[in-house]
All heavy atoms as atom14 arrays in JSON, in Angstrom:
{
  "sequence": "ALIKRYATPNNLFKADEKLNISGTAMSLLLPMVMNKT",
  "atom14_mask": [
    [1, 1, 1, 1, 1, 0, 0, 0, 0, 0, 0, 0, 0, 0],
    [1, 1, 1, 1, 1, 1, 1, 1, 0, 0, 0, 0, 0, 0],
    [1, 1, 1, 1, 1, 1, 1, 1, 0, 0, 0, 0, 0, 0],
    [1, 1, 1, 1, 1, 1, 1, 1, 1, 0, 0, 0, 0, 0],
    [1, 1, 1, 1, 1, 1, 1, 1, 1, 1, 1, 0, 0, 0],
    [1, 1, 1, 1, 1, 1, 1, 1, 1, 1, 1, 1, 0, 0],
    [1, 1, 1, 1, 1, 0, 0, 0, 0, 0, 0, 0, 0, 0],
    [1, 1, 1, 1, 1, 1, 1, 0, 0, 0, 0, 0, 0, 0],
    [1, 1, 1, 1, 1, 1, 1, 0, 0, 0, 0, 0, 0, 0],
    [1, 1, 1, 1, 1, 1, 1, 1, 0, 0, 0, 0, 0, 0],
    [1, 1, 1, 1, 1, 1, 1, 1, 0, 0, 0, 0, 0, 0],
    [1, 1, 1, 1, 1, 1, 1, 1, 0, 0, 0, 0, 0, 0],
    [1, 1, 1, 1, 1, 1, 1, 1, 1, 1, 1, 0, 0, 0],
    [1, 1, 1, 1, 1, 1, 1, 1, 1, 0, 0, 0, 0, 0],
    [1, 1, 1, 1, 1, 0, 0, 0, 0, 0, 0, 0, 0, 0],
    [1, 1, 1, 1, 1, 1, 1, 1, 0, 0, 0, 0, 0, 0],
    [1, 1, 1, 1, 1, 1, 1, 1, 1, 0, 0, 0, 0, 0],
    [1, 1, 1, 1, 1, 1, 1, 1, 1, 0, 0, 0, 0, 0],
    [1, 1, 1, 1, 1, 1, 1, 1, 0, 0, 0, 0, 0, 0],
    [1, 1, 1, 1, 1, 1, 1, 1, 0, 0, 0, 0, 0, 0],
    [1, 1, 1, 1, 1, 1, 1, 1, 0, 0, 0, 0, 0, 0],
    [1, 1, 1, 1, 1, 1, 0, 0, 0, 0, 0, 0, 0, 0],
    [1, 1, 1, 1, 0, 0, 0, 0, 0, 0, 0, 0, 0, 0],
    [1, 1, 1, 1, 1, 1, 1, 0, 0, 0, 0, 0, 0, 0],
    [1, 1, 1, 1, 1, 0, 0, 0, 0, 0, 0, 0, 0, 0],
    [1, 1, 1, 1, 1, 1, 1, 1, 0, 0, 0, 0, 0, 0],
    [1, 1, 1, 1, 1, 1, 0, 0, 0, 0, 0, 0, 0, 0],
    [1, 1, 1, 1, 1, 1, 1, 1, 0, 0, 0, 0, 0, 0],
    [1, 1, 1, 1, 1, 1, 1, 1, 0, 0, 0, 0, 0, 0],
    [1, 1, 1, 1, 1, 1, 1, 1, 0, 0, 0, 0, 0, 0],
    [1, 1, 1, 1, 1, 1, 1, 0, 0, 0, 0, 0, 0, 0],
    [1, 1, 1, 1, 1, 1, 1, 1, 0, 0, 0, 0, 0, 0],
    [1, 1, 1, 1, 1, 1, 1, 0, 0, 0, 0, 0, 0, 0],
    [1, 1, 1, 1, 1, 1, 1, 1, 0, 0, 0, 0, 0, 0],
    [1, 1, 1, 1, 1, 1, 1, 1, 0, 0, 0, 0, 0, 0],
    [1, 1, 1, 1, 1, 1, 1, 1, 1, 0, 0, 0, 0, 0],
    [1, 1, 1, 1, 1, 1, 1, 0, 0, 0, 0, 0, 0, 0]
  ],
  "atom14_positions": [
    [[-73.29, -48.36, -172.87], [-72.51, -47.37, -172.16], [-72.43, -47.68, -170.67], [-71.38, -47.52, -170.02], [-73.11, -45.98, -172.38], [0.0, 0.0, 0.0], [0.0, 0.0, 0.0], [0.0, 0.0, 0.0], [0.0, 0.0, 0.0], [0.0, 0.0, 0.0], [0.0, 0.0, 0.0], [0.0, 0.0, 0.0], [0.0, 0.0, 0.0], [0.0, 0.0, 0.0]],
    [[-73.52, -48.17, -170.1], [-73.53, -48.52, -168.67], [-72.64, -49.71, -168.41], [-71.92, -49.77, -167.41], [-74.96, -48.78, -168.22], [-75.88, -47.61, -168.17], [-77.29, -48.03, -167.81], [-75.39, -46.56, -167.17], [0.0, 0.0, 0.0], [0.0, 0.0, 0.0], [0.0, 0.0, 0.0], [0.0, 0.0, 0.0], [0.0, 0.0, 0.0], [0.0, 0.0, 0.0]],
    [[-72.63, -50.67, -169.33], [-71.73, -51.82, -169.16], [-70.3, -51.4, -169.26], [-69.46, -51.83, -168.47], [-72.09, -52.91, -170.19], [-73.42, -53.56, -169.82], [-71.0, -53.95, -170.3], [-73.92, -54.52, -170.87], [0.0, 0.0, 0.0], [0.0, 0.0, 0.0], [0.0, 0.0, 0.0], [0.0, 0.0, 0.0], [0.0, 0.0, 0.0], [0.0, 0.0, 0.0]],
    [[-69.99, -50.54, -170.23], [-68.61, -50.07, -170.37], [-68.15, -49.31, -169.12], [-67.01, -49.4, -168.71], [-68.47, -49.13, -171.57], [-68.42, -49.86, -172.88], [-68.26, -48.87, -174.01], [-68.35, -49.55, -175.35], [-68.25, -48.59, -176.46], [0.0, 0.0, 0.0], [0.0, 0.0, 0.0], [0.0, 0.0, 0.0], [0.0, 0.0, 0.0], [0.0, 0.0, 0.0]],
    [[-69.05, -48.56, -168.52], [-68.68, -47.75, -167.4], [-68.57, -48.54, -166.09], [-67.64, -48.39, -165.34], [-69.67, -46.61, -167.19], [-69.32, -45.73, -165.97], [-70.26, -44.59, -165.8], [-70.04, -43.64, -166.86], [-70.89, -42.65, -167.14], [-71.97, -42.51, -166.45], [-70.64, -41.81, -168.11], [0.0, 0.0, 0.0], [0.0, 0.0, 0.0], [0.0, 0.0, 0.0]],
    [[-69.57, -49.39, -165.82], [-69.66, -49.98, -164.52], [-69.25, -51.47, -164.46], [-68.98, -52.01, -163.4], [-71.08, -49.87, -163.94], [-71.43, -48.44, -163.71], [-72.41, -47.79, -164.46], [-70.78, -47.69, -162.73], [-72.74, -46.49, -164.26], [-71.1, -46.37, -162.51], [-72.09, -45.78, -163.26], [-72.39, -44.48, -163.06], [0.0, 0.0, 0.0], [0.0, 0.0, 0.0]],
    [[-69.21, -52.11, -165.6], [-68.89, -53.56, -165.62], [-67.42, -53.79, -165.94], [-67.08, -54.66, -166.69], [-69.77, -54.29, -166.57], [0.0, 0.0, 0.0], [0.0, 0.0, 0.0], [0.0, 0.0, 0.0], [0.0, 0.0, 0.0], [0.0, 0.0, 0.0], [0.0, 0.0, 0.0], [0.0, 0.0, 0.0], [0.0, 0.0, 0.0], [0.0, 0.0, 0.0]],
    [[-66.56, -53.0, -165.36], [-65.12, -53.21, -165.53], [-64.69, -54.37, -164.65], [-65.36, -54.68, -163.64], [-64.34, -51.94, -165.18], [-64.61, -51.63, -163.81], [-64.75, -50.79, -166.07], [0.0, 0.0, 0.0], [0.0, 0.0, 0.0], [0.0, 0.0, 0.0], [0.0, 0.0, 0.0], [0.0, 0.0, 0.0], [0.0, 0.0, 0.0], [0.0, 0.0, 0.0]],
    [[-63.62, -55.03, -164.97], [-63.17, -56.18, -164.13], [-62.93, -55.79, -162.67], [-63.29, -56.55, -161.76], [-61.87, -56.61, -164.79], [-62.01, -56.18, -166.22], [-62.82, -54.92, -166.18], [0.0, 0.0, 0.0], [0.0, 0.0, 0.0], [0.0, 0.0, 0.0], [0.0, 0.0, 0.0], [0.0, 0.0, 0.0], [0.0, 0.0, 0.0], [0.0, 0.0, 0.0]],
    [[-62.37, -54.58, -162.42], [-62.14, -54.17, -161.04], [-63.44, -54.05, -160.25], [-63.55, -54.46, -159.11], [-61.38, -52.86, -160.99], [-59.93, -53.05, -161.45], [-59.39, -54.12, -161.35], [-59.37, -51.98, -161.94], [0.0, 0.0, 0.0], [0.0, 0.0, 0.0], [0.0, 0.0, 0.0], [0.0, 0.0, 0.0], [0.0, 0.0, 0.0], [0.0, 0.0, 0.0]],
    [[-64.47, -53.44, -160.9], [-65.74, -53.27, -160.21], [-66.42, -54.61, -159.97], [-67.05, -54.81, -158.95], [-66.66, -52.38, -161.05], [-66.24, -50.93, -161.02], [-65.44, -50.51, -160.18], [-66.71, -50.16, -161.97], [0.0, 0.0, 0.0], [0.0, 0.0, 0.0], [0.0, 0.0, 0.0], [0.0, 0.0, 0.0], [0.0, 0.0, 0.0], [0.0, 0.0, 0.0]],
    [[-66.28, -55.53, -160.95], [-66.88, -56.86, -160.75], [-66.19, -57.6, -159.62], [-66.84, -58.28, -158.82], [-66.81, -57.65, -162.04], [-67.69, -57.14, -163.19], [-67.51, -57.95, -164.44], [-69.14, -57.12, -162.78], [0.0, 0.0, 0.0], [0.0, 0.0, 0.0], [0.0, 0.0, 0.0], [0.0, 0.0, 0.0], [0.0, 0.0, 0.0], [0.0, 0.0, 0.0]],
    [[-64.87, -57.49, -159.58], [-64.17, -58.16, -158.48], [-64.53, -57.56, -157.11], [-64.69, -58.32, -156.14], [-62.63, -58.08, -158.68], [-62.13, -58.98, -159.75], [-61.1, -58.55, -160.59], [-62.65, -60.25, -159.95], [-60.61, -59.39, -161.59], [-62.18, -61.07, -160.94], [-61.15, -60.66, -161.77], [0.0, 0.0, 0.0], [0.0, 0.0, 0.0], [0.0, 0.0, 0.0]],
    [[-64.69, -56.27, -157.04], [-65.06, -55.63, -155.77], [-66.46, -56.07, -155.36], [-66.7, -56.37, -154.18], [-65.03, -54.11, -155.91], [-63.64, -53.53, -155.95], [-63.69, -52.04, -156.14], [-62.29, -51.46, -156.34], [-62.32, -50.01, -156.6], [0.0, 0.0, 0.0], [0.0, 0.0, 0.0], [0.0, 0.0, 0.0], [0.0, 0.0, 0.0], [0.0, 0.0, 0.0]],
    [[-67.4, -56.09, -156.3], [-68.77, -56.5, -155.97], [-68.79, -57.98, -155.59], [-69.53, -58.39, -154.67], [-69.67, -56.27, -157.16], [0.0, 0.0, 0.0], [0.0, 0.0, 0.0], [0.0, 0.0, 0.0], [0.0, 0.0, 0.0], [0.0, 0.0, 0.0], [0.0, 0.0, 0.0], [0.0, 0.0, 0.0], [0.0, 0.0, 0.0], [0.0, 0.0, 0.0]],
    [[-67.98, -58.8, -156.24], [-67.94, -60.21, -155.93], [-67.31, -60.47, -154.56], [-67.73, -61.4, -153.88], [-67.19, -60.98, -157.03], [-67.43, -62.46, -156.9], [-68.6, -62.87, -156.93], [-66.44, -63.2, -156.79], [0.0, 0.0, 0.0], [0.0, 0.0, 0.0], [0.0, 0.0, 0.0], [0.0, 0.0, 0.0], [0.0, 0.0, 0.0], [0.0, 0.0, 0.0]],
    [[-66.34, -59.66, -154.16], [-65.75, -59.84, -152.85], [-66.77, -59.6, -151.76], [-66.81, -60.28, -150.75], [-64.57, -58.89, -152.68], [-63.32, -59.31, -153.39], [-62.19, -58.29, -153.23], [-62.34, -57.39, -152.41], [-61.19, -58.44, -153.93], [0.0, 0.0, 0.0], [0.0, 0.0, 0.0], [0.0, 0.0, 0.0], [0.0, 0.0, 0.0], [0.0, 0.0, 0.0]],
    [[-67.63, -58.61, -151.97], [-68.63, -58.25, -150.95], [-69.8, -59.22, -150.93], [-70.24, -59.67, -149.87], [-69.16, -56.85, -151.17], [-68.1, -55.78, -150.94], [-68.7, -54.41, -151.25], [-67.59, -53.35, -151.09], [-68.11, -52.02, -151.5], [0.0, 0.0, 0.0], [0.0, 0.0, 0.0], [0.0, 0.0, 0.0], [0.0, 0.0, 0.0], [0.0, 0.0, 0.0]],
    [[-70.31, -59.57, -152.09], [-71.54, -60.33, -152.18], [-71.34, -61.81, -152.54], [-72.28, -62.59, -152.38], [-72.48, -59.69, -153.21], [-72.84, -58.24, -152.98], [-73.63, -57.69, -154.12], [-73.6, -58.08, -151.67], [0.0, 0.0, 0.0], [0.0, 0.0, 0.0], [0.0, 0.0, 0.0], [0.0, 0.0, 0.0], [0.0, 0.0, 0.0], [0.0, 0.0, 0.0]],
    [[-70.19, -62.17, -153.04], [-69.87, -63.55, -153.48], [-70.94, -64.06, -154.49], [-71.49, -65.12, -154.32], [-69.74, -64.5, -152.29], [-69.04, -65.76, -152.68], [-68.4, -65.84, -153.72], [-69.16, -66.78, -151.85], [0.0, 0.0, 0.0], [0.0, 0.0, 0.0], [0.0, 0.0, 0.0], [0.0, 0.0, 0.0], [0.0, 0.0, 0.0], [0.0, 0.0, 0.0]],
    [[-71.2, -63.23, -155.46], [-72.22, -63.56, -156.47], [-71.77, -64.77, -157.29], [-72.58, -65.65, -157.57], [-72.47, -62.36, -157.4], [-73.03, -61.21, -156.56], [-73.42, -62.71, -158.51], [-73.08, -59.88, -157.29], [0.0, 0.0, 0.0], [0.0, 0.0, 0.0], [0.0, 0.0, 0.0], [0.0, 0.0, 0.0], [0.0, 0.0, 0.0], [0.0, 0.0, 0.0]],
    [[-70.53, -64.77, -157.69], [-70.07, -65.88, -158.56], [-70.09, -67.21, -157.81], [-70.42, -68.23, -158.38], [-68.64, -65.59, -159.09], [-67.76, -65.45, -158.01], [0.0, 0.0, 0.0], [0.0, 0.0, 0.0], [0.0, 0.0, 0.0], [0.0, 0.0, 0.0], [0.0, 0.0, 0.0], [0.0, 0.0, 0.0], [0.0, 0.0, 0.0], [0.0, 0.0, 0.0]],
    [[-69.72, -67.19, -156.54], [-69.75, -68.45, -155.75], [-71.18, -68.98, -155.6], [-71.4, -70.17, -155.7], [0.0, 0.0, 0.0], [0.0, 0.0, 0.0], [0.0, 0.0, 0.0], [0.0, 0.0, 0.0], [0.0, 0.0, 0.0], [0.0, 0.0, 0.0], [0.0, 0.0, 0.0], [0.0, 0.0, 0.0], [0.0, 0.0, 0.0], [0.0, 0.0, 0.0]],
    [[-72.09, -68.08, -155.33], [-73.51, -68.49, -155.19], [-74.04, -69.04, -156.52], [-74.73, -70.06, -156.55], [-74.36, -67.28, -154.72], [-73.76, -66.75, -153.55], [-75.77, -67.71, -154.42], [0.0, 0.0, 0.0], [0.0, 0.0, 0.0], [0.0, 0.0, 0.0], [0.0, 0.0, 0.0], [0.0, 0.0, 0.0], [0.0, 0.0, 0.0], [0.0, 0.0, 0.0]],
    [[-73.72, -68.33, -157.6], [-74.21, -68.79, -158.9], [-73.59, -70.12, -159.28], [-74.29, -71.01, -159.79], [-73.89, -67.73, -159.97], [0.0, 0.0, 0.0], [0.0, 0.0, 0.0], [0.0, 0.0, 0.0], [0.0, 0.0, 0.0], [0.0, 0.0, 0.0], [0.0, 0.0, 0.0], [0.0, 0.0, 0.0], [0.0, 0.0, 0.0], [0.0, 0.0, 0.0]],
    [[-72.3, -70.27, -159.03], [-71.65, -71.53, -159.36], [-72.15, -72.69, -158.49], [-72.25, -73.82, -158.95], [-70.14, -71.41, -159.27], [-69.52, -70.57, -160.36], [-69.91, -71.11, -162.03], [-68.99, -72.63, -162.09], [0.0, 0.0, 0.0], [0.0, 0.0, 0.0], [0.0, 0.0, 0.0], [0.0, 0.0, 0.0], [0.0, 0.0, 0.0], [0.0, 0.0, 0.0]],
    [[-72.46, -72.4, -157.21], [-72.97, -73.47, -156.37], [-74.35, -73.94, -156.79], [-74.74, -75.07, -156.5], [-73.02, -73.0, -154.9], [-74.0, -72.02, -154.71], [0.0, 0.0, 0.0], [0.0, 0.0, 0.0], [0.0, 0.0, 0.0], [0.0, 0.0, 0.0], [0.0, 0.0, 0.0], [0.0, 0.0, 0.0], [0.0, 0.0, 0.0], [0.0, 0.0, 0.0]],
    [[-75.07, -73.08, -157.52], [-76.39, -73.5, -158.05], [-76.27, -74.09, -159.44], [-76.95, -75.08, -159.74], [-77.31, -72.3, -158.06], [-77.69, -71.68, -156.71], [-78.5, -70.43, -156.9], [-78.46, -72.7, -155.87], [0.0, 0.0, 0.0], [0.0, 0.0, 0.0], [0.0, 0.0, 0.0], [0.0, 0.0, 0.0], [0.0, 0.0, 0.0], [0.0, 0.0, 0.0]],
    [[-75.45, -73.5, -160.27], [-75.38, -73.93, -161.69], [-74.52, -75.15, -161.9], [-74.83, -75.99, -162.75], [-74.88, -72.79, -162.55], [-75.77, -71.56, -162.65], [-75.09, -70.47, -163.46], [-77.08, -71.93, -163.27], [0.0, 0.0, 0.0], [0.0, 0.0, 0.0], [0.0, 0.0, 0.0], [0.0, 0.0, 0.0], [0.0, 0.0, 0.0], [0.0, 0.0, 0.0]],
    [[-73.42, -75.27, -161.18], [-72.49, -76.37, -161.4], [-73.12, -77.73, -161.17], [-72.96, -78.63, -162.02], [-71.24, -76.16, -160.52], [-70.01, -77.02, -160.88], [-69.56, -76.71, -162.31], [-68.88, -76.72, -159.94], [0.0, 0.0, 0.0], [0.0, 0.0, 0.0], [0.0, 0.0, 0.0], [0.0, 0.0, 0.0], [0.0, 0.0, 0.0], [0.0, 0.0, 0.0]],
    [[-73.87, -78.0, -160.07], [-74.51, -79.28, -159.93], [-75.51, -79.58, -161.04], [-75.58, -80.71, -161.51], [-75.2, -79.19, -158.57], [-74.54, -78.12, -157.85], [-74.02, -77.17, -158.86], [0.0, 0.0, 0.0], [0.0, 0.0, 0.0], [0.0, 0.0, 0.0], [0.0, 0.0, 0.0], [0.0, 0.0, 0.0], [0.0, 0.0, 0.0], [0.0, 0.0, 0.0]],
    [[-76.27, -78.55, -161.45], [-77.26, -78.78, -162.52], [-76.56, -79.16, -163.82], [-76.99, -80.08, -164.49], [-78.11, -77.53, -162.7], [-79.03, -77.25, -161.54], [-79.93, -75.71, -161.61], [-80.42, -75.54, -163.27], [0.0, 0.0, 0.0], [0.0, 0.0, 0.0], [0.0, 0.0, 0.0], [0.0, 0.0, 0.0], [0.0, 0.0, 0.0], [0.0, 0.0, 0.0]],
    [[-75.53, -78.43, -164.18], [-74.82, -78.7, -165.42], [-74.16, -80.07, -165.41], [-74.24, -80.81, -166.36], [-73.79, -77.57, -165.7], [-72.85, -77.95, -166.84], [-74.5, -76.27, -166.0], [0.0, 0.0, 0.0], [0.0, 0.0, 0.0], [0.0, 0.0, 0.0], [0.0, 0.0, 0.0], [0.0, 0.0, 0.0], [0.0, 0.0, 0.0], [0.0, 0.0, 0.0]],
    [[-73.53, -80.4, -164.28], [-72.86, -81.72, -164.21], [-73.86, -82.86, -164.28], [-73.6, -83.86, -164.93], [-72.0, -81.78, -162.92], [-70.94, -80.75, -162.97], [-69.36, -81.09, -162.29], [-69.06, -82.77, -162.22], [0.0, 0.0, 0.0], [0.0, 0.0, 0.0], [0.0, 0.0, 0.0], [0.0, 0.0, 0.0], [0.0, 0.0, 0.0], [0.0, 0.0, 0.0]],
    [[-74.98, -82.72, -163.58], [-75.97, -83.8, -163.62], [-76.67, -83.91, -164.96], [-77.09, -84.99, -165.33], [-77.01, -83.59, -162.48], [-76.48, -84.01, -161.15], [-75.63, -84.87, -161.06], [-76.97, -83.37, -160.1], [0.0, 0.0, 0.0], [0.0, 0.0, 0.0], [0.0, 0.0, 0.0], [0.0, 0.0, 0.0], [0.0, 0.0, 0.0], [0.0, 0.0, 0.0]],
    [[-76.8, -82.8, -165.68], [-77.47, -82.85, -167.0], [-76.52, -83.33, -168.09], [-76.97, -83.83, -169.11], [-78.0, -81.47, -167.35], [-79.12, -80.99, -166.48], [-80.4, -81.64, -166.8], [-81.52, -81.07, -165.95], [-82.77, -81.72, -166.16], [0.0, 0.0, 0.0], [0.0, 0.0, 0.0], [0.0, 0.0, 0.0], [0.0, 0.0, 0.0], [0.0, 0.0, 0.0]],
    [[-75.21, -83.14, -167.93], [-74.31, -83.47, -169.03], [-73.48, -84.72, -168.72], [-73.64, -85.75, -169.33], [-73.33, -82.28, -169.32], [-72.65, -81.98, -168.12], [-74.1, -81.1, -169.82], [0.0, 0.0, 0.0], [0.0, 0.0, 0.0], [0.0, 0.0, 0.0], [0.0, 0.0, 0.0], [0.0, 0.0, 0.0], [0.0, 0.0, 0.0], [0.0, 0.0, 0.0]]
  ]
}
């Protein structure tokens, strides 16, 4: 229920604009994935 209520695409985009969570996660995960694969 909490995911349905708060994890809507609009809310995720708003949170990502403020905190840039996806950019930070990708800057950490992308090099690891590319070097491992």
